[in-house]
Amino acid sequence: MLVNNAGVGVGGAISDAATKSIDMQLDVNLRSYIIATREAIPALKAAGAEHRKALIVNTASIAGKAGQGWLAVYSATKAGVIGFSQATQMELGGDGVQVSALCPGFVDTPMTEWVQEQVKPEQMIQPTDLAETVLLLLRTSSACLIPEVVYTRPGDASAFGT
């Protein structure tokens, strides 16, 4: 199993985005996933051949499902993670490798401290929710592919495209 779980977001208008900030988000949020996956492919293919199932879990974001104003670069990188996950599944699925993208809303981590005045930590998705999903993905059979999981808070209409 490979879990790509990295993210950094720099809020602000795209017109004000510094090149250094753009590069950092691209490097951490997308490039690192691509390189880690590339390097793990031989071991994943070997595990897929032996066990009929190896797993790649890529943490994206709900912002990758629908772009968020003031988080344009972050949204773009996480949309890229979703597309990368889909393409990698197409390439490696025949080798017994499954790829799943996790797309959470606000998770109670240091990355979301900036929003805690609007959303209390206990109202956020918990890191254990994502960990439980990874355990579920590990427990499913090789005949069951879960390509994507979207997490949102109860009552959040954005989960339904509204």
C-alpha atoms as a PDB file:
ATOM      1  CA  MET A   1       0.000   0.000   0.000  1.00  0.00           C
ATOM      2  CA  LEU A   2       1.053   3.536  -0.757  1.00  0.00           C
ATOM      3  CA  VAL A   3      -0.674   6.487   0.925  1.00  0.00           C
ATOM      4  CA  ASN A   4       0.032   9.883  -0.608  1.00  0.00           C
ATOM      5  CA  ASN A   5      -1.132  12.336   2.029  1.00  0.00           C
ATOM      6  CA  ALA A   6       0.333  15.800   1.707  1.00  0.00           C
ATOM      7  CA  GLY A   7      -1.180  19.188   1.342  1.00  0.00           C
ATOM      8  CA  VAL A   8      -0.487  22.847   1.691  1.00  0.00           C
ATOM      9  CA  GLY A   9      -2.841  25.640   0.787  1.00  0.00           C
ATOM     10  CA  VAL A  10      -2.111  29.327   0.449  1.00  0.00           C
ATOM     11  CA  GLY A  11      -5.254  31.417   0.359  1.00  0.00           C
ATOM     12  CA  GLY A  12      -5.657  34.621  -1.558  1.00  0.00           C
ATOM     13  CA  ALA A  13      -6.590  36.047  -4.920  1.00  0.00           C
ATOM     14  CA  ILE A  14      -4.913  34.333  -7.869  1.00  0.00           C
ATOM     15  CA  SER A  15      -3.896  37.780  -9.134  1.00  0.00           C
ATOM     16  CA  ASP A  16      -1.765  38.161  -6.012  1.00  0.00           C
ATOM     17  CA  ALA A  17      -0.275  34.646  -5.976  1.00  0.00           C
ATOM     18  CA  ALA A  18       3.503  34.677  -5.708  1.00  0.00           C
ATOM     19  CA  THR A  19       5.319  32.277  -8.005  1.00  0.00           C
ATOM     20  CA  LYS A  20       7.093  30.733  -4.997  1.00  0.00           C
ATOM     21  CA  SER A  21       3.696  30.003  -3.399  1.00  0.00           C
ATOM     22  CA  ILE A  22       2.350  28.485  -6.619  1.00  0.00           C
ATOM     23  CA  ASP A  23       5.437  26.281  -7.021  1.00  0.00           C
ATOM     24  CA  MET A  24       5.271  25.103  -3.397  1.00  0.00           C
ATOM     25  CA  GLN A  25       1.637  24.037  -3.721  1.00  0.00           C
ATOM     26  CA  LEU A  26       2.279  22.266  -7.026  1.00  0.00           C
ATOM     27  CA  ASP A  27       5.322  20.492  -5.570  1.00  0.00           C
ATOM     28  CA  VAL A  28       3.737  19.370  -2.304  1.00  0.00           C
ATOM     29  CA  ASN A  29       0.175  18.710  -3.439  1.00  0.00           C
ATOM     30  CA  LEU A  30       0.735  17.078  -6.811  1.00  0.00           C
ATOM     31  CA  ARG A  31       4.347  16.551  -7.879  1.00  0.00           C
ATOM     32  CA  SER A  32       5.218  14.621  -4.702  1.00  0.00           C
ATOM     33  CA  TYR A  33       2.333  12.200  -5.340  1.00  0.00           C
ATOM     34  CA  ILE A  34       3.469  11.561  -8.900  1.00  0.00           C
ATOM     35  CA  ILE A  35       7.073  10.918  -7.916  1.00  0.00           C
ATOM     36  CA  ALA A  36       6.197   8.716  -4.905  1.00  0.00           C
ATOM     37  CA  THR A  37       3.818   6.680  -7.041  1.00  0.00           C
ATOM     38  CA  ARG A  38       6.353   6.281  -9.838  1.00  0.00           C
ATOM     39  CA  GLU A  39       8.947   4.998  -7.373  1.00  0.00           C
ATOM     40  CA  ALA A  40       6.500   2.584  -5.684  1.00  0.00           C
ATOM     41  CA  ILE A  41       5.131   1.010  -8.890  1.00  0.00           C
ATOM     42  CA  PRO A  42       7.498  -2.000  -8.969  1.00  0.00           C
ATOM     43  CA  ALA A  43       6.610  -2.969  -5.379  1.00  0.00           C
ATOM     44  CA  LEU A  44       2.905  -2.316  -5.959  1.00  0.00           C
ATOM     45  CA  LYS A  45       2.869  -4.468  -9.102  1.00  0.00           C
ATOM     46  CA  ALA A  46       4.659  -7.267  -7.239  1.00  0.00           C
ATOM     47  CA  ALA A  47       2.122  -7.072  -4.398  1.00  0.00           C
ATOM     48  CA  GLY A  48      -0.733  -6.982  -6.901  1.00  0.00           C
ATOM     49  CA  ALA A  49       0.584 -10.106  -8.604  1.00  0.00           C
ATOM     50  CA  GLU A  50       1.040 -11.938  -5.312  1.00  0.00           C
ATOM     51  CA  HIS A  51      -2.141 -10.872  -3.494  1.00  0.00           C
ATOM     52  CA  ARG A  52      -4.356  -9.818  -6.447  1.00  0.00           C
ATOM     53  CA  LYS A  53      -4.629  -6.438  -4.766  1.00  0.00           C
ATOM     54  CA  ALA A  54      -2.281  -3.592  -3.948  1.00  0.00           C
ATOM     55  CA  LEU A  55      -3.584  -0.181  -2.984  1.00  0.00           C
ATOM     56  CA  ILE A  56      -2.727   3.452  -3.639  1.00  0.00           C
ATOM     57  CA  VAL A  57      -4.643   6.016  -1.595  1.00  0.00           C
ATOM     58  CA  ASN A  58      -4.307   9.637  -2.677  1.00  0.00           C
ATOM     59  CA  THR A  59      -5.633  12.364  -0.398  1.00  0.00           C
ATOM     60  CA  ALA A  60      -7.224  15.022  -2.579  1.00  0.00           C
ATOM     61  CA  SER A  61      -9.852  17.468  -1.302  1.00  0.00           C
ATOM     62  CA  ILE A  62     -13.437  18.486  -1.806  1.00  0.00           C
ATOM     63  CA  ALA A  63     -11.832  21.635  -3.270  1.00  0.00           C
ATOM     64  CA  GLY A  64     -10.608  19.394  -6.089  1.00  0.00           C
ATOM     65  CA  LYS A  65     -14.211  18.456  -6.901  1.00  0.00           C
ATOM     66  CA  ALA A  66     -15.385  22.071  -7.170  1.00  0.00           C
ATOM     67  CA  GLY A  67     -12.864  24.891  -7.272  1.00  0.00           C
ATOM     68  CA  GLN A  68     -12.849  27.233  -4.307  1.00  0.00           C
ATOM     69  CA  GLY A  69     -12.413  30.971  -4.664  1.00  0.00           C
ATOM     70  CA  TRP A  70      -9.321  32.311  -2.899  1.00  0.00           C
ATOM     71  CA  LEU A  71      -7.847  28.777  -3.104  1.00  0.00           C
ATOM     72  CA  ALA A  72      -7.416  28.525  -6.873  1.00  0.00           C
ATOM     73  CA  VAL A  73      -3.983  26.898  -6.912  1.00  0.00           C
ATOM     74  CA  TYR A  74      -4.850  24.508  -4.062  1.00  0.00           C
ATOM     75  CA  SER A  75      -8.095  23.564  -5.838  1.00  0.00           C
ATOM     76  CA  ALA A  76      -6.239  22.989  -9.097  1.00  0.00           C
ATOM     77  CA  THR A  77      -3.623  20.759  -7.467  1.00  0.00           C
ATOM     78  CA  LYS A  78      -6.229  18.644  -5.705  1.00  0.00           C
ATOM     79  CA  ALA A  79      -8.260  18.332  -8.929  1.00  0.00           C
ATOM     80  CA  GLY A  80      -4.994  17.170 -10.448  1.00  0.00           C
ATOM     81  CA  VAL A  81      -4.698  14.504  -7.736  1.00  0.00           C
ATOM     82  CA  ILE A  82      -8.163  13.220  -8.655  1.00  0.00           C
ATOM     83  CA  GLY A  83      -7.257  13.080 -12.349  1.00  0.00           C
ATOM     84  CA  PHE A  84      -3.915  11.478 -11.537  1.00  0.00           C
ATOM     85  CA  SER A  85      -5.705   8.845  -9.448  1.00  0.00           C
ATOM     86  CA  GLN A  86      -8.094   8.025 -12.294  1.00  0.00           C
ATOM     87  CA  ALA A  87      -5.302   7.783 -14.865  1.00  0.00           C
ATOM     88  CA  THR A  88      -3.098   5.677 -12.583  1.00  0.00           C
ATOM     89  CA  GLN A  89      -6.002   3.275 -12.008  1.00  0.00           C
ATOM     90  CA  MET A  90      -6.374   2.899 -15.773  1.00  0.00           C
ATOM     91  CA  GLU A  91      -2.661   2.156 -16.145  1.00  0.00           C
ATOM     92  CA  LEU A  92      -2.154  -0.183 -13.179  1.00  0.00           C
ATOM     93  CA  GLY A  93      -5.561  -1.809 -12.672  1.00  0.00           C
ATOM     94  CA  GLY A  94      -4.601  -4.769 -14.838  1.00  0.00           C
ATOM     95  CA  ASP A  95      -1.651  -5.406 -12.526  1.00  0.00           C
ATOM     96  CA  GLY A  96      -3.825  -5.811  -9.432  1.00  0.00           C
ATOM     97  CA  VAL A  97      -3.299  -2.248  -8.215  1.00  0.00           C
ATOM     98  CA  GLN A  98      -6.297  -0.250  -7.045  1.00  0.00           C
ATOM     99  CA  VAL A  99      -6.252   3.536  -6.727  1.00  0.00           C
ATOM    100  CA  SER A 100      -8.626   5.551  -4.564  1.00  0.00           C
ATOM    101  CA  ALA A 101      -8.851   9.322  -4.097  1.00  0.00           C
ATOM    102  CA  LEU A 102     -10.088  10.679  -0.776  1.00  0.00           C
ATOM    103  CA  CYS A 103     -11.831  14.056  -1.106  1.00  0.00           C
ATOM    104  CA  PRO A 104     -12.565  15.498   2.334  1.00  0.00           C
ATOM    105  CA  GLY A 105     -13.917  18.874   3.322  1.00  0.00           C
ATOM    106  CA  PHE A 106     -12.461  20.516   6.425  1.00  0.00           C
ATOM    107  CA  VAL A 107     -10.520  17.978   8.497  1.00  0.00           C
ATOM    108  CA  ASP A 108      -9.571  18.822  12.072  1.00  0.00           C
ATOM    109  CA  THR A 109      -5.814  19.238  11.540  1.00  0.00           C
ATOM    110  CA  PRO A 110      -3.396  22.164  11.926  1.00  0.00           C
ATOM    111  CA  MET A 111      -4.070  22.995   8.258  1.00  0.00           C
ATOM    112  CA  THR A 112      -7.629  24.081   9.125  1.00  0.00           C
ATOM    113  CA  GLU A 113      -6.852  26.210  12.170  1.00  0.00           C
ATOM    114  CA  TRP A 114      -7.575  29.328  10.087  1.00  0.00           C
ATOM    115  CA  VAL A 115     -11.261  28.387   9.757  1.00  0.00           C
ATOM    116  CA  GLN A 116     -11.929  27.367  13.354  1.00  0.00           C
ATOM    117  CA  GLU A 117     -13.783  30.612  14.088  1.00  0.00           C
ATOM    118  CA  GLN A 118     -16.416  29.588  11.517  1.00  0.00           C
ATOM    119  CA  VAL A 119     -16.299  25.799  11.957  1.00  0.00           C
ATOM    120  CA  LYS A 120     -15.539  24.326  15.358  1.00  0.00           C
ATOM    121  CA  PRO A 121     -13.017  21.450  15.378  1.00  0.00           C
ATOM    122  CA  GLU A 122     -15.617  19.003  16.718  1.00  0.00           C
ATOM    123  CA  GLN A 123     -17.822  19.855  13.714  1.00  0.00           C
ATOM    124  CA  MET A 124     -15.050  19.017  11.253  1.00  0.00           C
ATOM    125  CA  ILE A 125     -14.291  15.682   9.678  1.00  0.00           C
ATOM    126  CA  GLN A 126     -11.877  13.837  11.942  1.00  0.00           C
ATOM    127  CA  PRO A 127      -8.570  12.323  10.814  1.00  0.00           C
ATOM    128  CA  THR A 128      -9.854   8.984  12.128  1.00  0.00           C
ATOM    129  CA  ASP A 129     -12.678   9.165   9.547  1.00  0.00           C
ATOM    130  CA  LEU A 130     -10.100   9.046   6.761  1.00  0.00           C
ATOM    131  CA  ALA A 131      -8.100   6.343   8.552  1.00  0.00           C
ATOM    132  CA  GLU A 132     -11.247   4.203   8.825  1.00  0.00           C
ATOM    133  CA  THR A 133     -11.788   4.616   5.087  1.00  0.00           C
ATOM    134  CA  VAL A 134      -8.271   3.359   4.383  1.00  0.00           C
ATOM    135  CA  LEU A 135      -9.011   0.306   6.537  1.00  0.00           C
ATOM    136  CA  LEU A 136     -12.215  -0.258   4.560  1.00  0.00           C
ATOM    137  CA  LEU A 137     -10.297  -0.022   1.282  1.00  0.00           C
ATOM    138  CA  LEU A 138      -7.832  -2.612   2.572  1.00  0.00           C
ATOM    139  CA  ARG A 139     -10.653  -4.978   3.602  1.00  0.00           C
ATOM    140  CA  THR A 140     -12.549  -4.973   0.311  1.00  0.00           C
ATOM    141  CA  SER A 141     -11.994  -7.773  -2.148  1.00  0.00           C
ATOM    142  CA  SER A 142      -9.985  -7.443  -5.326  1.00  0.00           C
ATOM    143  CA  ALA A 143     -13.331  -7.392  -7.171  1.00  0.00           C
ATOM    144  CA  CYS A 144     -14.370  -4.170  -5.418  1.00  0.00           C
ATOM    145  CA  LEU A 145     -12.872  -0.872  -6.539  1.00  0.00           C
ATOM    146  CA  ILE A 146     -13.801   2.330  -4.711  1.00  0.00           C
ATOM    147  CA  PRO A 147     -12.319   5.014  -6.949  1.00  0.00           C
ATOM    148  CA  GLU A 148     -13.272   8.022  -4.868  1.00  0.00           C
ATOM    149  CA  VAL A 149     -14.721   8.966  -1.502  1.00  0.00           C
ATOM    150  CA  VAL A 150     -16.140  12.435  -0.890  1.00  0.00           C
ATOM    151  CA  TYR A 151     -16.482  13.557   2.736  1.00  0.00           C
ATOM    152  CA  THR A 152     -18.580  16.451   3.919  1.00  0.00           C
ATOM    153  CA  ARG A 153     -20.191  17.642   7.106  1.00  0.00           C
ATOM    154  CA  PRO A 154     -23.884  16.857   7.709  1.00  0.00           C
ATOM    155  CA  GLY A 155     -26.059  19.613   6.296  1.00  0.00           C
ATOM    156  CA  ASP A 156     -23.365  20.870   3.898  1.00  0.00           C
ATOM    157  CA  ALA A 157     -25.263  21.403   0.646  1.00  0.00           C
ATOM    158  CA  SER A 158     -22.030  21.600  -1.373  1.00  0.00           C
ATOM    159  CA  ALA A 159     -21.866  17.801  -1.253  1.00  0.00           C
ATOM    160  CA  PHE A 160     -24.849  17.757  -3.599  1.00  0.00           C
ATOM    161  CA  GLY A 161     -23.601  20.356  -6.028  1.00  0.00           C
ATOM    162  CA  THR A 162     -25.732  23.172  -4.614  1.00  0.00           C
END
